[in-house]
Amino acid sequence: MTEIRAEMVANVWQVLVEEGEAIAAGAQLLVLESMKMEIPVESPVSGTVTGLHVVPGQVLAEGDLIVVVE
């Protein structure tokens, strides 16, 4: 199980995956927005998205859980 967490304070701009979706390492999971910059979040591992913990428009703090991949 791999937990992917926010590296900085940001807004969730786009969610590109759904729970239950199979993904490859390097797949783009979502796009964050911070200080008018778009920040893609990629999966470090292949697997299945078993937990999606964000929605578009949500404000994240550093360390918040975004996605779980198994």
N, C-alpha and C. Protein backbone atom coordinates (compact mmCIF):
# COMPACT_ATOMS: atom_id res chain seq x y z
N MET A 1 0.85 -1.17 0.00
CA MET A 1 0.00 0.00 0.00
C MET A 1 0.90 1.24 0.00
N THR A 2 0.60 2.17 -0.92
CA THR A 2 1.35 3.41 -1.02
C THR A 2 0.39 4.58 -0.79
N GLU A 3 0.72 5.41 0.18
CA GLU A 3 -0.07 6.61 0.44
C GLU A 3 0.61 7.79 -0.23
N ILE A 4 -0.15 8.54 -1.01
CA ILE A 4 0.37 9.72 -1.67
C ILE A 4 -0.21 10.92 -0.95
N ARG A 5 0.67 11.80 -0.50
CA ARG A 5 0.27 12.95 0.33
C ARG A 5 0.66 14.26 -0.33
N ALA A 6 -0.02 15.32 0.05
CA ALA A 6 0.28 16.66 -0.47
C ALA A 6 1.65 17.10 0.02
N GLU A 7 2.45 17.64 -0.88
CA GLU A 7 3.78 18.11 -0.53
C GLU A 7 3.77 19.58 -0.11
N MET A 8 2.64 20.26 -0.33
CA MET A 8 2.54 21.68 -0.01
C MET A 8 1.08 22.06 0.14
N VAL A 9 0.83 23.25 0.61
CA VAL A 9 -0.52 23.79 0.65
C VAL A 9 -0.94 24.06 -0.78
N ALA A 10 -2.12 23.54 -1.19
CA ALA A 10 -2.57 23.70 -2.57
C ALA A 10 -4.07 23.44 -2.66
N ASN A 11 -4.65 23.85 -3.77
CA ASN A 11 -6.05 23.55 -4.08
C ASN A 11 -6.08 22.38 -5.06
N VAL A 12 -7.06 21.50 -4.92
CA VAL A 12 -7.25 20.43 -5.88
C VAL A 12 -7.95 21.04 -7.09
N TRP A 13 -7.30 21.02 -8.24
CA TRP A 13 -7.85 21.63 -9.43
C TRP A 13 -8.59 20.59 -10.28
N GLN A 14 -7.96 19.42 -10.53
CA GLN A 14 -8.58 18.35 -11.30
C GLN A 14 -8.23 17.02 -10.69
N VAL A 15 -9.21 16.10 -10.65
CA VAL A 15 -8.97 14.71 -10.25
C VAL A 15 -9.09 13.89 -11.53
N LEU A 16 -8.05 13.13 -11.87
CA LEU A 16 -7.97 12.44 -13.15
C LEU A 16 -8.19 10.94 -13.06
N VAL A 17 -8.34 10.40 -11.85
CA VAL A 17 -8.55 8.97 -11.67
C VAL A 17 -9.79 8.74 -10.82
N GLU A 18 -10.26 7.49 -10.82
CA GLU A 18 -11.39 7.10 -10.00
C GLU A 18 -10.98 5.95 -9.10
N GLU A 19 -11.66 5.81 -7.99
CA GLU A 19 -11.40 4.69 -7.10
C GLU A 19 -11.69 3.39 -7.86
N GLY A 20 -10.79 2.42 -7.72
CA GLY A 20 -10.92 1.14 -8.41
C GLY A 20 -10.19 1.09 -9.74
N GLU A 21 -9.66 2.21 -10.18
CA GLU A 21 -8.96 2.28 -11.47
C GLU A 21 -7.55 1.72 -11.36
N ALA A 22 -7.15 0.91 -12.34
CA ALA A 22 -5.78 0.40 -12.41
C ALA A 22 -4.91 1.47 -13.06
N ILE A 23 -3.74 1.71 -12.47
CA ILE A 23 -2.83 2.74 -12.98
C ILE A 23 -1.41 2.19 -13.09
N ALA A 24 -0.61 2.84 -13.93
CA ALA A 24 0.80 2.48 -14.08
C ALA A 24 1.64 3.49 -13.31
N ALA A 25 2.85 3.09 -12.96
CA ALA A 25 3.78 4.03 -12.32
C ALA A 25 3.98 5.20 -13.26
N GLY A 26 3.94 6.41 -12.71
CA GLY A 26 4.10 7.62 -13.51
C GLY A 26 2.79 8.18 -14.02
N ALA A 27 1.68 7.47 -13.80
CA ALA A 27 0.37 7.97 -14.25
C ALA A 27 0.01 9.23 -13.47
N GLN A 28 -0.55 10.20 -14.17
CA GLN A 28 -0.97 11.43 -13.52
C GLN A 28 -2.30 11.18 -12.81
N LEU A 29 -2.33 11.48 -11.50
CA LEU A 29 -3.50 11.22 -10.67
C LEU A 29 -4.41 12.43 -10.56
N LEU A 30 -3.81 13.58 -10.37
CA LEU A 30 -4.57 14.81 -10.23
C LEU A 30 -3.67 16.00 -10.48
N VAL A 31 -4.30 17.17 -10.53
CA VAL A 31 -3.57 18.41 -10.72
C VAL A 31 -3.91 19.32 -9.56
N LEU A 32 -2.87 19.82 -8.90
CA LEU A 32 -3.04 20.78 -7.82
C LEU A 32 -2.73 22.17 -8.35
N GLU A 33 -3.25 23.18 -7.67
CA GLU A 33 -2.96 24.57 -8.04
C GLU A 33 -2.47 25.27 -6.79
N SER A 34 -1.33 25.94 -6.94
CA SER A 34 -0.78 26.71 -5.84
C SER A 34 -0.05 27.92 -6.41
N MET A 35 -0.39 29.09 -5.93
CA MET A 35 0.23 30.33 -6.37
C MET A 35 0.16 30.46 -7.90
N LYS A 36 -1.00 30.13 -8.47
CA LYS A 36 -1.29 30.22 -9.91
C LYS A 36 -0.44 29.28 -10.76
N MET A 37 0.13 28.26 -10.13
CA MET A 37 0.90 27.24 -10.86
C MET A 37 0.15 25.93 -10.80
N GLU A 38 0.11 25.18 -11.91
CA GLU A 38 -0.48 23.85 -11.93
C GLU A 38 0.60 22.84 -11.60
N ILE A 39 0.30 21.95 -10.65
CA ILE A 39 1.28 20.97 -10.19
C ILE A 39 0.71 19.57 -10.38
N PRO A 40 1.22 18.81 -11.37
CA PRO A 40 0.72 17.45 -11.57
C PRO A 40 1.22 16.53 -10.45
N VAL A 41 0.36 15.62 -10.02
CA VAL A 41 0.73 14.62 -9.01
C VAL A 41 0.69 13.27 -9.71
N GLU A 42 1.84 12.58 -9.72
CA GLU A 42 1.97 11.29 -10.40
C GLU A 42 2.12 10.17 -9.39
N SER A 43 1.71 8.98 -9.80
CA SER A 43 1.86 7.81 -8.94
C SER A 43 3.29 7.27 -9.01
N PRO A 44 3.90 7.01 -7.86
CA PRO A 44 5.24 6.44 -7.87
C PRO A 44 5.24 4.93 -8.13
N VAL A 45 4.06 4.30 -8.09
CA VAL A 45 3.95 2.85 -8.24
C VAL A 45 2.79 2.48 -9.15
N SER A 46 2.83 1.27 -9.70
CA SER A 46 1.70 0.70 -10.42
C SER A 46 0.77 0.05 -9.42
N GLY A 47 -0.51 -0.04 -9.76
CA GLY A 47 -1.46 -0.70 -8.87
C GLY A 47 -2.88 -0.25 -9.14
N THR A 48 -3.70 -0.34 -8.11
CA THR A 48 -5.10 0.05 -8.19
C THR A 48 -5.37 1.14 -7.16
N VAL A 49 -6.10 2.17 -7.59
CA VAL A 49 -6.49 3.25 -6.67
C VAL A 49 -7.54 2.67 -5.72
N THR A 50 -7.18 2.53 -4.45
CA THR A 50 -8.12 1.97 -3.47
C THR A 50 -8.70 3.03 -2.56
N GLY A 51 -8.15 4.22 -2.58
CA GLY A 51 -8.68 5.31 -1.78
C GLY A 51 -8.43 6.64 -2.47
N LEU A 52 -9.50 7.38 -2.71
CA LEU A 52 -9.39 8.71 -3.30
C LEU A 52 -9.95 9.67 -2.26
N HIS A 53 -9.09 10.50 -1.68
CA HIS A 53 -9.45 11.29 -0.51
C HIS A 53 -9.61 12.78 -0.78
N VAL A 54 -9.76 13.16 -2.05
CA VAL A 54 -9.90 14.58 -2.40
C VAL A 54 -11.01 14.77 -3.43
N VAL A 55 -11.49 16.01 -3.53
CA VAL A 55 -12.45 16.41 -4.55
C VAL A 55 -12.00 17.75 -5.13
N PRO A 56 -12.36 18.05 -6.37
CA PRO A 56 -11.99 19.34 -6.94
C PRO A 56 -12.47 20.50 -6.07
N GLY A 57 -11.60 21.48 -5.91
CA GLY A 57 -11.91 22.65 -5.10
C GLY A 57 -11.47 22.54 -3.65
N GLN A 58 -11.10 21.34 -3.22
CA GLN A 58 -10.66 21.13 -1.84
C GLN A 58 -9.31 21.80 -1.61
N VAL A 59 -9.14 22.37 -0.42
CA VAL A 59 -7.87 22.98 -0.04
C VAL A 59 -7.09 21.96 0.79
N LEU A 60 -5.86 21.70 0.40
CA LEU A 60 -5.02 20.72 1.10
C LEU A 60 -3.94 21.43 1.91
N ALA A 61 -3.63 20.86 3.05
CA ALA A 61 -2.47 21.28 3.84
C ALA A 61 -1.33 20.32 3.53
N GLU A 62 -0.13 20.74 3.80
CA GLU A 62 1.03 19.87 3.62
C GLU A 62 0.84 18.60 4.43
N GLY A 63 1.03 17.45 3.78
CA GLY A 63 0.91 16.16 4.47
C GLY A 63 -0.47 15.52 4.40
N ASP A 64 -1.47 16.22 3.86
CA ASP A 64 -2.81 15.64 3.75
C ASP A 64 -2.78 14.45 2.80
N LEU A 65 -3.54 13.40 3.14
CA LEU A 65 -3.64 12.20 2.29
C LEU A 65 -4.46 12.53 1.05
N ILE A 66 -3.92 12.16 -0.11
CA ILE A 66 -4.59 12.42 -1.38
C ILE A 66 -5.15 11.11 -1.95
N VAL A 67 -4.27 10.13 -2.17
CA VAL A 67 -4.65 8.88 -2.84
C VAL A 67 -3.92 7.72 -2.18
N VAL A 68 -4.58 6.56 -2.15
CA VAL A 68 -3.95 5.32 -1.72
C VAL A 68 -3.92 4.38 -2.92
N VAL A 69 -2.75 3.81 -3.22
CA VAL A 69 -2.59 2.87 -4.31
C VAL A 69 -2.10 1.54 -3.74
N GLU A 70 -2.76 0.46 -4.12
CA GLU A 70 -2.32 -0.88 -3.68
C GLU A 70 -1.96 -1.72 -4.87
